Structure formats: C-alpha cells, structure tokens
Amino acid sequence: MNQKKVTFKKWVKMDIKEFLEIQREFDKKYLEHKNLPVPEQIRHITLHIGKMIGKFSTYCEQQEHGVSYDLTQIINEAIPDLLMHSLRLSNLLNEDLEELYKDRLEILRRKIEKYEG
C-alpha cells in the first residue's frame, strides 16, 4: 500500500470547528471510502470503533487478571481515534459537534442531579 505523508501547519490551540475542518480536509485527501454512501461510511467507522473497543477491553481484562499492560496503544491510538471518529461522523451527518457535545453534557448533568438529589 502506498504510504501518504501527512503534513500539518504548526499546531496552535484550536476550537472544535477547526478540528472539524482539518478532519474534513484530511478525509477528502486521504480517506479511501469517501465516495461510498453515508451508511456504508458509517458502517466502516463502526468497524474501526469495534477494533478500538477491543483495545480497551484487552486493557480491562489484563487489569482484572493482575497482568501489567502497556498503555501506549491506548494513549497513542485509541484516545485520538475517539476524537477522529466523532469528527468524521459529525462531518458526515452535517451536525454541529460542539452543540451536540454541550447538549449531551447538559442531559447527563440533569440525569446525575436527578439521581443524586
């Protein structure tokens, strides 16, 4: 497979809209499945999320058995992939991730306060 080099401008602190735009441009340039129908792209993202969940599951299982586990793969791959897949899905569905996130936090806040109160 042909390896494509990705170069970015010097990173500065960004807001979510800038992350979305960077992801949009990255996907346009490098994503193999960009021309598939949206449901097929979501299916493919779901497969990657499943692989990511496997990494977390392996960590949890190792911890339960008292086995040391190197977190490098989770830190360097799984955590950034969570953001990447959220950005991709938001772009695919033309949703405002910032608003979705704020709304979700508010829903969770109310739910927690209901159970604690």
C-alpha atoms as a PDB file:
ATOM      1  CA  MET A   1       0.000   0.000   0.000  1.00  0.00           C
ATOM      2  CA  ASN A   2       1.258   3.455  -0.882  1.00  0.00           C
ATOM      3  CA  GLN A   3       2.128   5.407   2.271  1.00  0.00           C
ATOM      4  CA  LYS A   4       0.994   9.014   2.114  1.00  0.00           C
ATOM      5  CA  LYS A   5       2.765  11.563   4.254  1.00  0.00           C
ATOM      6  CA  VAL A   6       0.579  13.981   6.148  1.00  0.00           C
ATOM      7  CA  THR A   7       1.987  17.384   6.959  1.00  0.00           C
ATOM      8  CA  PHE A   8       0.235  19.980   9.046  1.00  0.00           C
ATOM      9  CA  LYS A   9       0.813  23.607   9.778  1.00  0.00           C
ATOM     10  CA  LYS A  10       2.332  24.360  13.132  1.00  0.00           C
ATOM     11  CA  TRP A  11      -0.306  23.348  15.650  1.00  0.00           C
ATOM     12  CA  VAL A  12      -1.931  26.022  17.734  1.00  0.00           C
ATOM     13  CA  LYS A  13      -4.828  25.748  20.135  1.00  0.00           C
ATOM     14  CA  MET A  14      -7.961  25.192  18.094  1.00  0.00           C
ATOM     15  CA  ASP A  15     -11.678  25.190  18.638  1.00  0.00           C
ATOM     16  CA  ILE A  16     -13.900  22.308  17.595  1.00  0.00           C
ATOM     17  CA  LYS A  17     -14.842  23.920  14.276  1.00  0.00           C
ATOM     18  CA  GLU A  18     -11.169  23.998  13.306  1.00  0.00           C
ATOM     19  CA  PHE A  19     -10.809  20.333  14.234  1.00  0.00           C
ATOM     20  CA  LEU A  20     -13.850  19.548  12.085  1.00  0.00           C
ATOM     21  CA  GLU A  21     -12.356  21.397   9.121  1.00  0.00           C
ATOM     22  CA  ILE A  22      -8.982  19.680   9.485  1.00  0.00           C
ATOM     23  CA  GLN A  23     -10.730  16.299   9.623  1.00  0.00           C
ATOM     24  CA  ARG A  24     -12.881  17.203   6.593  1.00  0.00           C
ATOM     25  CA  GLU A  25      -9.791  18.147   4.563  1.00  0.00           C
ATOM     26  CA  PHE A  26      -7.874  15.081   5.736  1.00  0.00           C
ATOM     27  CA  ASP A  27     -10.755  12.786   4.794  1.00  0.00           C
ATOM     28  CA  LYS A  28     -11.151  14.452   1.405  1.00  0.00           C
ATOM     29  CA  LYS A  29      -7.484  13.907   0.635  1.00  0.00           C
ATOM     30  CA  TYR A  30      -6.734  10.531   2.231  1.00  0.00           C
ATOM     31  CA  LEU A  31      -9.892   8.601   3.067  1.00  0.00           C
ATOM     32  CA  GLU A  32     -10.386   5.558   0.846  1.00  0.00           C
ATOM     33  CA  HIS A  33     -14.128   5.235   1.483  1.00  0.00           C
ATOM     34  CA  LYS A  34     -15.101   8.881   0.944  1.00  0.00           C
ATOM     35  CA  ASN A  35     -17.186   8.119  -2.160  1.00  0.00           C
ATOM     36  CA  LEU A  36     -19.289   5.416  -0.533  1.00  0.00           C
ATOM     37  CA  PRO A  37     -22.853   6.223   0.525  1.00  0.00           C
ATOM     38  CA  VAL A  38     -23.039   7.673   4.045  1.00  0.00           C
ATOM     39  CA  PRO A  39     -24.491   4.473   5.600  1.00  0.00           C
ATOM     40  CA  GLU A  40     -21.533   2.488   4.239  1.00  0.00           C
ATOM     41  CA  GLN A  41     -19.073   5.053   5.573  1.00  0.00           C
ATOM     42  CA  ILE A  42     -20.755   4.849   8.980  1.00  0.00           C
ATOM     43  CA  ARG A  43     -20.564   1.051   8.832  1.00  0.00           C
ATOM     44  CA  HIS A  44     -16.837   1.272   8.130  1.00  0.00           C
ATOM     45  CA  ILE A  45     -16.319   3.733  11.006  1.00  0.00           C
ATOM     46  CA  THR A  46     -18.259   1.328  13.243  1.00  0.00           C
ATOM     47  CA  LEU A  47     -15.795  -1.445  12.379  1.00  0.00           C
ATOM     48  CA  HIS A  48     -12.906   0.787  13.420  1.00  0.00           C
ATOM     49  CA  ILE A  49     -14.702   1.703  16.643  1.00  0.00           C
ATOM     50  CA  GLY A  50     -15.139  -2.016  17.332  1.00  0.00           C
ATOM     51  CA  LYS A  51     -11.391  -2.538  16.966  1.00  0.00           C
ATOM     52  CA  MET A  52     -10.797   0.384  19.311  1.00  0.00           C
ATOM     53  CA  ILE A  53     -13.174  -1.039  21.912  1.00  0.00           C
ATOM     54  CA  GLY A  54     -11.188  -4.264  21.695  1.00  0.00           C
ATOM     55  CA  LYS A  55      -8.060  -2.384  22.767  1.00  0.00           C
ATOM     56  CA  PHE A  56      -9.852  -1.020  25.828  1.00  0.00           C
ATOM     57  CA  SER A  57     -11.339  -4.457  26.567  1.00  0.00           C
ATOM     58  CA  THR A  58      -7.907  -6.074  26.429  1.00  0.00           C
ATOM     59  CA  TYR A  59      -6.602  -3.492  28.891  1.00  0.00           C
ATOM     60  CA  CYS A  60      -9.531  -4.078  31.282  1.00  0.00           C
ATOM     61  CA  GLU A  61      -9.183  -7.854  31.108  1.00  0.00           C
ATOM     62  CA  GLN A  62      -5.453  -7.684  31.788  1.00  0.00           C
ATOM     63  CA  GLN A  63      -6.099  -5.431  34.789  1.00  0.00           C
ATOM     64  CA  GLU A  64      -8.697  -7.862  36.170  1.00  0.00           C
ATOM     65  CA  HIS A  65      -6.145 -10.676  35.955  1.00  0.00           C
ATOM     66  CA  GLY A  66      -3.437  -8.567  37.581  1.00  0.00           C
ATOM     67  CA  VAL A  67      -1.365  -8.507  34.410  1.00  0.00           C
ATOM     68  CA  SER A  68       0.658  -5.423  33.547  1.00  0.00           C
ATOM     69  CA  TYR A  69      -0.482  -3.792  30.327  1.00  0.00           C
ATOM     70  CA  ASP A  70       1.357  -1.222  28.233  1.00  0.00           C
ATOM     71  CA  LEU A  71      -0.976   1.745  27.684  1.00  0.00           C
ATOM     72  CA  THR A  72       0.976   3.082  24.694  1.00  0.00           C
ATOM     73  CA  GLN A  73      -1.525   1.810  22.120  1.00  0.00           C
ATOM     74  CA  ILE A  74      -4.498   3.190  24.042  1.00  0.00           C
ATOM     75  CA  ILE A  75      -2.834   6.564  24.596  1.00  0.00           C
ATOM     76  CA  ASN A  76      -1.378   6.985  21.093  1.00  0.00           C
ATOM     77  CA  GLU A  77      -4.135   5.355  19.044  1.00  0.00           C
ATOM     78  CA  ALA A  78      -7.439   4.732  20.807  1.00  0.00           C
ATOM     79  CA  ILE A  79      -7.869   8.088  22.550  1.00  0.00           C
ATOM     80  CA  PRO A  80      -7.116  10.198  19.444  1.00  0.00           C
ATOM     81  CA  ASP A  81      -9.239   7.816  17.347  1.00  0.00           C
ATOM     82  CA  LEU A  82     -12.237   8.553  19.592  1.00  0.00           C
ATOM     83  CA  LEU A  83     -11.975  12.209  18.612  1.00  0.00           C
ATOM     84  CA  MET A  84     -11.274  11.429  14.963  1.00  0.00           C
ATOM     85  CA  HIS A  85     -14.332   9.195  14.601  1.00  0.00           C
ATOM     86  CA  SER A  86     -16.543  11.746  16.365  1.00  0.00           C
ATOM     87  CA  LEU A  87     -15.318  14.423  13.969  1.00  0.00           C
ATOM     88  CA  ARG A  88     -15.864  12.153  10.947  1.00  0.00           C
ATOM     89  CA  LEU A  89     -19.390  11.231  11.997  1.00  0.00           C
ATOM     90  CA  SER A  90     -20.260  14.847  12.708  1.00  0.00           C
ATOM     91  CA  ASN A  91     -18.995  15.885   9.283  1.00  0.00           C
ATOM     92  CA  LEU A  92     -20.758  13.002   7.525  1.00  0.00           C
ATOM     93  CA  LEU A  93     -24.089  13.819   9.136  1.00  0.00           C
ATOM     94  CA  ASN A  94     -23.640  17.609   8.895  1.00  0.00           C
ATOM     95  CA  GLU A  95     -24.117  18.024  12.628  1.00  0.00           C
ATOM     96  CA  ASP A  96     -22.603  20.662  14.883  1.00  0.00           C
ATOM     97  CA  LEU A  97     -20.398  18.594  17.188  1.00  0.00           C
ATOM     98  CA  GLU A  98     -19.908  21.467  19.598  1.00  0.00           C
ATOM     99  CA  GLU A  99     -23.663  21.827  20.123  1.00  0.00           C
ATOM    100  CA  LEU A 100     -24.163  18.069  20.315  1.00  0.00           C
ATOM    101  CA  TYR A 101     -21.477  17.863  22.982  1.00  0.00           C
ATOM    102  CA  LYS A 102     -22.877  20.736  25.042  1.00  0.00           C
ATOM    103  CA  ASP A 103     -26.399  19.311  24.790  1.00  0.00           C
ATOM    104  CA  ARG A 104     -25.184  15.881  25.846  1.00  0.00           C
ATOM    105  CA  LEU A 105     -23.357  17.264  28.879  1.00  0.00           C
ATOM    106  CA  GLU A 106     -26.493  19.124  29.930  1.00  0.00           C
ATOM    107  CA  ILE A 107     -28.605  15.955  29.607  1.00  0.00           C
ATOM    108  CA  LEU A 108     -26.076  13.992  31.671  1.00  0.00           C
ATOM    109  CA  ARG A 109     -25.867  16.762  34.284  1.00  0.00           C
ATOM    110  CA  ARG A 110     -29.645  16.706  34.759  1.00  0.00           C
ATOM    111  CA  LYS A 111     -29.683  12.903  34.926  1.00  0.00           C
ATOM    112  CA  ILE A 112     -26.924  12.802  37.559  1.00  0.00           C
ATOM    113  CA  GLU A 113     -28.526  15.535  39.635  1.00  0.00           C
ATOM    114  CA  LYS A 114     -31.850  13.675  39.498  1.00  0.00           C
ATOM    115  CA  TYR A 115     -30.262  10.523  40.914  1.00  0.00           C
ATOM    116  CA  GLU A 116     -28.131  12.343  43.477  1.00  0.00           C
ATOM    117  CA  GLY A 117     -30.798  14.777  44.587  1.00  0.00           C
END
